[in-house]
């Protein structure tokens, strides 16, 4: 079966690998890419998305979305300060030729509204691998999207730890109010792929060698991007930098191989929007006696071997 999807992203290196996997895999039909402010500013996430698709010779349309968080004027800590110690990890522009194609004139938020109001898109999965600003804005403008979006996969959050603060993961932390609005919207099928799962299936230098041997444009570009991630990943010493998580692409793998995600449980999930030390924390409640219904499923582990197999299959196509 072919799964149709829209990919909402803030294209840096791992988003780029996700775009290539979604555009290339024979069991996936990527109908559009929407971009949001996140890893890099909106102009850069949009240009980077176009560069990736141009590199593949793809005409998949790109729609630019929100340039700032839902309520806040900027990140809780401005990007330049946040990345001050490791500015090379998320570069402004991917090392690919400048895009020739251009983004669509319709804003990403309006595109999401129009797409999910169209009955012909009742099967289209939304995969959101950046801050959730675009989707929160779309839901605010058209609340009926909550029951028109058949399935939402989110890369974000973690269970009790973080990669920006002690408890907050980047995508959720960038726009916690948007994340809370999405989780509270009533979308019937939400699957969260947090850091717990993505760190359980890192991509190694040996895996990059495999991609190089495949030799397609997607394989070679992904190998280069992942090698960059490995070389600059912030939580590993130089001597141990042999692998790194490629967070966003794992969400794409789950569309083709649901079993790539493991220890999937049901939770009542909310996002902390006011805590001094906990801003952006994904709060997961699994207590048997909780009174609120479960609103998400969360995967805490992943199958690394199957993830690499998925990527190789996509890059060969």
Protein backbone atom coordinates (compact mmCIF):
# COMPACT_ATOMS: atom_id res chain seq x y z
CA UNK A 1 0.00 0.00 0.00
CA UNK A 2 1.08 3.57 -0.70
CA UNK A 3 0.89 5.99 2.23
CA UNK A 4 0.32 9.62 1.32
CA UNK A 5 1.79 12.23 3.62
CA UNK A 6 2.52 15.89 4.21
CA UNK A 7 5.83 16.61 5.94
CA UNK A 8 5.93 19.69 8.16
CA UNK A 9 9.55 20.47 9.00
CA UNK A 10 12.25 22.97 9.97
CA UNK A 11 14.82 21.71 7.54
CA UNK A 12 18.25 21.18 8.93
CA UNK A 13 20.23 18.00 8.47
CA UNK A 14 17.90 15.35 9.90
CA UNK A 15 14.83 16.92 8.27
CA UNK A 16 16.68 16.76 4.94
CA UNK A 17 17.23 13.01 5.34
CA UNK A 18 13.54 12.64 6.22
CA UNK A 19 12.50 14.55 3.08
CA UNK A 20 14.70 12.36 0.88
CA UNK A 21 13.43 9.15 2.45
CA UNK A 22 9.80 10.24 2.07
CA UNK A 23 10.29 11.42 -1.51
CA UNK A 24 12.16 8.31 -2.63
CA UNK A 25 10.58 5.32 -0.90
CA UNK A 26 8.27 3.41 -3.27
CA UNK A 27 5.64 2.90 -0.57
CA UNK A 28 5.33 6.60 0.19
CA UNK A 29 3.75 9.49 -1.70
CA UNK A 30 5.03 12.79 -0.33
CA UNK A 31 2.47 15.28 -1.61
CA UNK A 32 3.94 18.44 -0.04
CA UNK A 33 6.53 19.87 2.33
CA UNK A 34 5.59 22.68 4.69
CA UNK A 35 8.24 24.66 6.51
CA UNK A 36 8.42 26.40 9.87
CA UNK A 37 10.89 28.42 11.91
CA UNK A 38 13.02 26.10 14.01
CA UNK A 39 16.48 24.63 13.49
CA UNK A 40 17.20 27.71 11.37
CA UNK A 41 15.01 30.71 10.44
CA UNK A 42 12.04 30.21 8.13
CA UNK A 43 13.80 31.57 5.03
CA UNK A 44 16.53 29.00 5.55
CA UNK A 45 14.25 26.04 6.33
CA UNK A 46 12.37 26.84 3.14
CA UNK A 47 15.48 27.25 1.00
CA UNK A 48 16.98 24.07 2.47
CA UNK A 49 13.82 22.10 1.67
CA UNK A 50 13.89 23.35 -1.90
CA UNK A 51 17.59 22.48 -2.20
CA UNK A 52 16.92 18.91 -1.10
CA UNK A 53 14.06 18.41 -3.55
CA UNK A 54 15.96 20.05 -6.40
CA UNK A 55 18.88 17.72 -5.66
CA UNK A 56 16.50 14.80 -6.18
CA UNK A 57 15.00 16.32 -9.33
CA UNK A 58 11.64 16.37 -7.55
CA UNK A 59 8.75 18.74 -8.18
CA UNK A 60 7.08 18.18 -4.79
CA UNK A 61 5.75 21.61 -3.72
CA UNK A 62 7.09 23.50 -0.71
CA UNK A 63 4.93 25.88 1.34
CA UNK A 64 6.52 28.35 3.77
CA UNK A 65 4.77 28.78 7.10
CA UNK A 66 5.23 30.49 10.46
CA UNK A 67 8.34 32.66 10.92
CA UNK A 68 8.06 32.80 14.74
CA UNK A 69 6.43 30.91 17.61
CA UNK A 70 2.70 31.03 18.21
CA UNK A 71 2.77 33.55 21.09
CA UNK A 72 6.40 34.27 21.95
CA UNK A 73 8.43 36.76 19.88
CA UNK A 74 11.38 34.34 19.82
CA UNK A 75 12.70 31.12 21.33
CA UNK A 76 12.81 31.04 25.14
CA UNK A 77 16.57 31.49 24.59
CA UNK A 78 17.41 33.23 21.28
CA UNK A 79 18.92 30.94 18.64
CA UNK A 80 22.26 32.75 18.45
CA UNK A 81 22.78 32.34 22.19
CA UNK A 82 21.45 28.79 22.22
CA UNK A 83 23.82 27.65 19.47
CA UNK A 84 26.72 29.83 20.54
CA UNK A 85 28.93 26.94 21.68
CA UNK A 86 28.25 24.74 18.63
CA UNK A 87 27.26 26.93 15.65
CA UNK A 88 28.30 24.33 13.07
CA UNK A 89 25.82 21.66 14.20
CA UNK A 90 22.84 23.26 12.45
CA UNK A 91 24.20 25.30 9.56
CA UNK A 92 22.03 27.99 8.00
CA UNK A 93 22.28 26.46 4.52
CA UNK A 94 22.70 22.81 3.64
CA UNK A 95 25.76 22.01 1.54
CA UNK A 96 23.72 21.51 -1.62
CA UNK A 97 23.38 23.72 -4.72
CA UNK A 98 21.23 26.80 -4.31
CA UNK A 99 17.61 26.08 -5.12
CA UNK A 100 16.27 26.84 -8.57
CA UNK A 101 12.66 26.07 -7.67
CA UNK A 102 10.61 28.44 -5.54
CA UNK A 103 8.09 28.00 -2.73
CA UNK A 104 4.39 28.12 -3.46
CA UNK A 105 2.59 31.42 -2.97
CA UNK A 106 0.07 29.90 -0.54
CA UNK A 107 1.13 30.01 3.11
CA UNK A 108 1.73 26.63 4.77
CA UNK A 109 -1.01 27.22 7.34
CA UNK A 110 -3.61 27.89 4.66
CA UNK A 111 -2.32 24.92 2.68
CA UNK A 112 -2.86 22.62 5.67
CA UNK A 113 -6.39 23.97 6.14
CA UNK A 114 -7.27 23.60 2.47
CA UNK A 115 -5.74 20.14 2.24
CA UNK A 116 -7.58 18.64 5.19
CA UNK A 117 -10.89 20.26 4.31
CA UNK A 118 -10.65 18.39 1.00
CA UNK A 119 -12.32 14.98 1.32
CA UNK A 120 -9.86 13.56 -1.20
CA UNK A 121 -7.15 13.95 1.44
CA UNK A 122 -8.94 12.01 4.16
CA UNK A 123 -6.12 9.44 4.15
CA UNK A 124 -3.15 11.83 4.19
CA UNK A 125 -0.91 11.43 7.24
CA UNK A 126 0.62 14.59 8.69
CA UNK A 127 4.19 14.11 9.89
CA UNK A 128 5.40 17.08 11.96
CA UNK A 129 9.12 17.01 12.71
CA UNK A 130 9.69 20.63 13.72
CA UNK A 131 8.00 23.06 16.11
CA UNK A 132 4.23 22.69 15.91
CA UNK A 133 3.46 26.33 15.11
CA UNK A 134 1.96 25.75 11.65
CA UNK A 135 -0.43 23.10 12.89
CA UNK A 136 -1.47 25.10 15.96
CA UNK A 137 -2.28 28.09 13.75
CA UNK A 138 -4.24 25.90 11.34
CA UNK A 139 -6.25 24.37 14.19
CA UNK A 140 -6.98 27.80 15.66
CA UNK A 141 -8.30 29.03 12.31
CA UNK A 142 -10.18 25.83 11.48
CA UNK A 143 -10.91 23.69 14.57
CA UNK A 144 -12.59 20.99 12.45
CA UNK A 145 -9.14 19.89 11.34
CA UNK A 146 -8.92 18.04 14.65
CA UNK A 147 -11.22 15.36 13.31
CA UNK A 148 -10.23 15.72 9.65
CA UNK A 149 -6.54 14.90 10.17
CA UNK A 150 -6.62 11.08 10.19
CA UNK A 151 -3.20 10.58 11.76
CA UNK A 152 -0.46 12.80 13.17
CA UNK A 153 3.11 11.70 13.83
CA UNK A 154 5.21 14.11 15.89
CA UNK A 155 8.96 14.05 16.42
CA UNK A 156 9.36 15.74 19.76
CA UNK A 157 9.63 15.52 23.48
CA UNK A 158 11.16 12.92 25.74
CA UNK A 159 10.35 11.10 28.96
CA UNK A 160 12.08 13.03 31.69
CA UNK A 161 15.17 14.40 29.92
CA UNK A 162 16.01 16.82 27.16
CA UNK A 163 18.47 18.07 24.58
CA UNK A 164 17.96 21.80 25.22
CA UNK A 165 17.30 21.83 28.96
CA UNK A 166 17.35 19.08 31.55
CA UNK A 167 13.78 18.11 30.63
CA UNK A 168 12.92 19.76 27.27
CA UNK A 169 13.45 18.58 23.71
CA UNK A 170 14.09 21.24 21.06
CA UNK A 171 10.95 21.03 18.88
CA UNK A 172 8.57 21.23 21.83
CA UNK A 173 10.68 23.80 23.70
CA UNK A 174 10.80 26.20 20.72
CA UNK A 175 7.03 26.66 20.81
CA UNK A 176 5.53 25.02 23.90
CA UNK A 177 2.21 26.83 23.56
CA UNK A 178 1.77 25.47 20.03
CA UNK A 179 2.63 21.94 21.17
CA UNK A 180 0.13 22.11 24.03
CA UNK A 181 -2.56 23.42 21.67
CA UNK A 182 -2.00 20.53 19.26
CA UNK A 183 -2.02 17.86 21.98
CA UNK A 184 -5.19 19.34 23.46
CA UNK A 185 -6.97 19.77 20.11
CA UNK A 186 -8.72 16.39 19.97
CA UNK A 187 -6.85 14.91 16.99
CA UNK A 188 -7.82 11.27 17.29
CA UNK A 189 -4.57 9.51 16.39
CA UNK A 190 -1.33 11.10 17.59
CA UNK A 191 1.91 9.15 17.72
CA UNK A 192 4.91 10.83 19.35
CA UNK A 193 8.44 9.75 18.49
CA UNK A 194 10.56 11.27 21.28
CA UNK A 195 14.30 11.42 21.93
CA UNK A 196 14.05 8.11 23.80
CA UNK A 197 13.27 6.32 20.52
CA UNK A 198 15.50 8.34 18.19
CA UNK A 199 18.57 7.92 20.41
CA UNK A 200 17.84 4.19 20.50
CA UNK A 201 18.41 3.95 16.72
CA UNK A 202 21.40 6.12 15.83
CA UNK A 203 22.98 6.02 12.37
CA UNK A 204 26.68 5.11 12.33
CA UNK A 205 29.65 5.84 10.11
CA UNK A 206 29.43 2.24 8.89
CA UNK A 207 25.82 2.89 7.87
CA UNK A 208 27.03 5.95 5.96
CA UNK A 209 29.50 3.71 4.14
CA UNK A 210 26.52 1.58 3.08
CA UNK A 211 24.68 4.64 1.79
CA UNK A 212 27.79 5.73 -0.14
CA UNK A 213 27.92 2.32 -1.81
CA UNK A 214 24.31 2.75 -2.98
CA UNK A 215 25.49 5.86 -4.80
CA UNK A 216 22.19 7.56 -5.65
CA UNK A 217 21.80 11.32 -5.13
CA UNK A 218 19.67 10.71 -2.04
CA UNK A 219 22.09 8.17 -0.60
CA UNK A 220 25.18 10.31 -1.13
CA UNK A 221 23.59 13.49 0.19
CA UNK A 222 22.19 11.69 3.24
CA UNK A 223 25.55 10.12 3.99
CA UNK A 224 27.24 13.53 3.89
CA UNK A 225 24.58 15.11 6.10
CA UNK A 226 24.70 12.30 8.64
CA UNK A 227 28.51 12.38 8.73
CA UNK A 228 28.22 16.09 9.52
CA UNK A 229 25.78 15.29 12.34
CA UNK A 230 28.12 12.65 13.75
CA UNK A 231 31.07 15.01 13.62
CA UNK A 232 29.28 17.85 15.38
CA UNK A 233 26.85 16.07 17.68
CA UNK A 234 27.01 18.00 20.96
CA UNK A 235 26.86 15.18 23.51
CA UNK A 236 29.75 12.99 22.34
CA UNK A 237 33.49 13.38 22.74
CA UNK A 238 35.49 13.53 19.53
CA UNK A 239 36.94 10.08 20.16
CA UNK A 240 33.51 8.49 20.47
CA UNK A 241 31.71 10.21 17.60
CA UNK A 242 30.82 7.07 15.66
CA UNK A 243 27.05 7.59 15.34
CA UNK A 244 24.29 10.12 15.89
CA UNK A 245 20.49 10.09 15.98
CA UNK A 246 18.71 11.17 12.81
CA UNK A 247 15.51 12.00 14.64
CA UNK A 248 13.08 13.06 11.93
CA UNK A 249 13.71 10.25 9.48
CA UNK A 250 12.63 7.69 12.09
CA UNK A 251 9.09 9.10 11.85
CA UNK A 252 9.14 8.41 8.11
CA UNK A 253 10.39 4.87 8.66
CA UNK A 254 7.42 4.23 10.95
CA UNK A 255 5.02 4.85 8.06
CA UNK A 256 6.44 1.89 6.16
CA UNK A 257 7.56 -0.27 9.10
CA UNK A 258 5.42 0.47 12.17
CA UNK A 259 7.40 -2.18 14.02
CA UNK A 260 10.51 0.02 13.85
CA UNK A 261 9.02 1.73 16.91
CA UNK A 262 8.94 -0.31 20.10
CA UNK A 263 7.55 -0.04 23.62
CA UNK A 264 4.64 2.01 22.32
CA UNK A 265 2.22 2.97 25.08
CA UNK A 266 -0.78 5.19 25.63
CA UNK A 267 -0.42 8.33 27.71
CA UNK A 268 -2.16 11.50 28.68
CA UNK A 269 0.29 14.10 27.39
CA UNK A 270 0.62 17.81 28.01
CA UNK A 271 3.38 20.39 27.62
CA UNK A 272 4.64 22.63 30.40
CA UNK A 273 4.29 26.25 29.28
CA UNK A 274 5.09 28.19 32.45
CA UNK A 275 7.72 26.39 34.52
CA UNK A 276 10.92 28.21 35.40
CA UNK A 277 13.02 25.07 35.02
CA UNK A 278 10.57 22.87 33.12
CA UNK A 279 9.39 25.03 30.21
CA UNK A 280 8.81 22.82 27.18
CA UNK A 281 8.75 19.55 29.09
CA UNK A 282 6.52 16.86 27.62
CA UNK A 283 4.57 15.57 30.61
CA UNK A 284 3.50 11.95 30.11
CA UNK A 285 0.95 10.50 32.53
CA UNK A 286 0.49 6.71 32.43
CA UNK A 287 -1.04 6.26 35.89
CA UNK A 288 -3.78 3.64 35.90
CA UNK A 289 -5.96 5.90 38.05
CA UNK A 290 -5.58 9.07 35.98
CA UNK A 291 -8.91 10.69 35.14
CA UNK A 292 -7.95 12.27 31.78
CA UNK A 293 -8.21 10.05 28.73
CA UNK A 294 -5.14 9.01 26.80
CA UNK A 295 -4.56 11.44 23.94
CA UNK A 296 -1.30 10.11 22.46
CA UNK A 297 0.75 7.02 21.85
CA UNK A 298 4.47 7.33 22.57
CA UNK A 299 7.31 5.08 21.37
CA UNK A 300 10.18 4.72 23.83
CA UNK A 301 12.45 2.35 21.89
CA UNK A 302 13.33 1.68 18.24
CA UNK A 303 14.85 -1.00 16.03
CA UNK A 304 18.10 0.47 14.67
CA UNK A 305 18.72 -2.29 12.13
CA UNK A 306 15.27 -1.93 10.59
CA UNK A 307 15.69 1.85 10.47
CA UNK A 308 18.90 1.55 8.45
CA UNK A 309 17.25 -1.02 6.18
CA UNK A 310 14.37 1.39 5.54
CA UNK A 311 16.74 4.20 4.61
CA UNK A 312 18.76 1.97 2.31
CA UNK A 313 15.59 0.77 0.58
CA UNK A 314 14.45 4.37 0.09
CA UNK A 315 17.80 5.52 -1.28
CA UNK A 316 17.99 2.63 -3.75
CA UNK A 317 14.64 3.56 -5.32
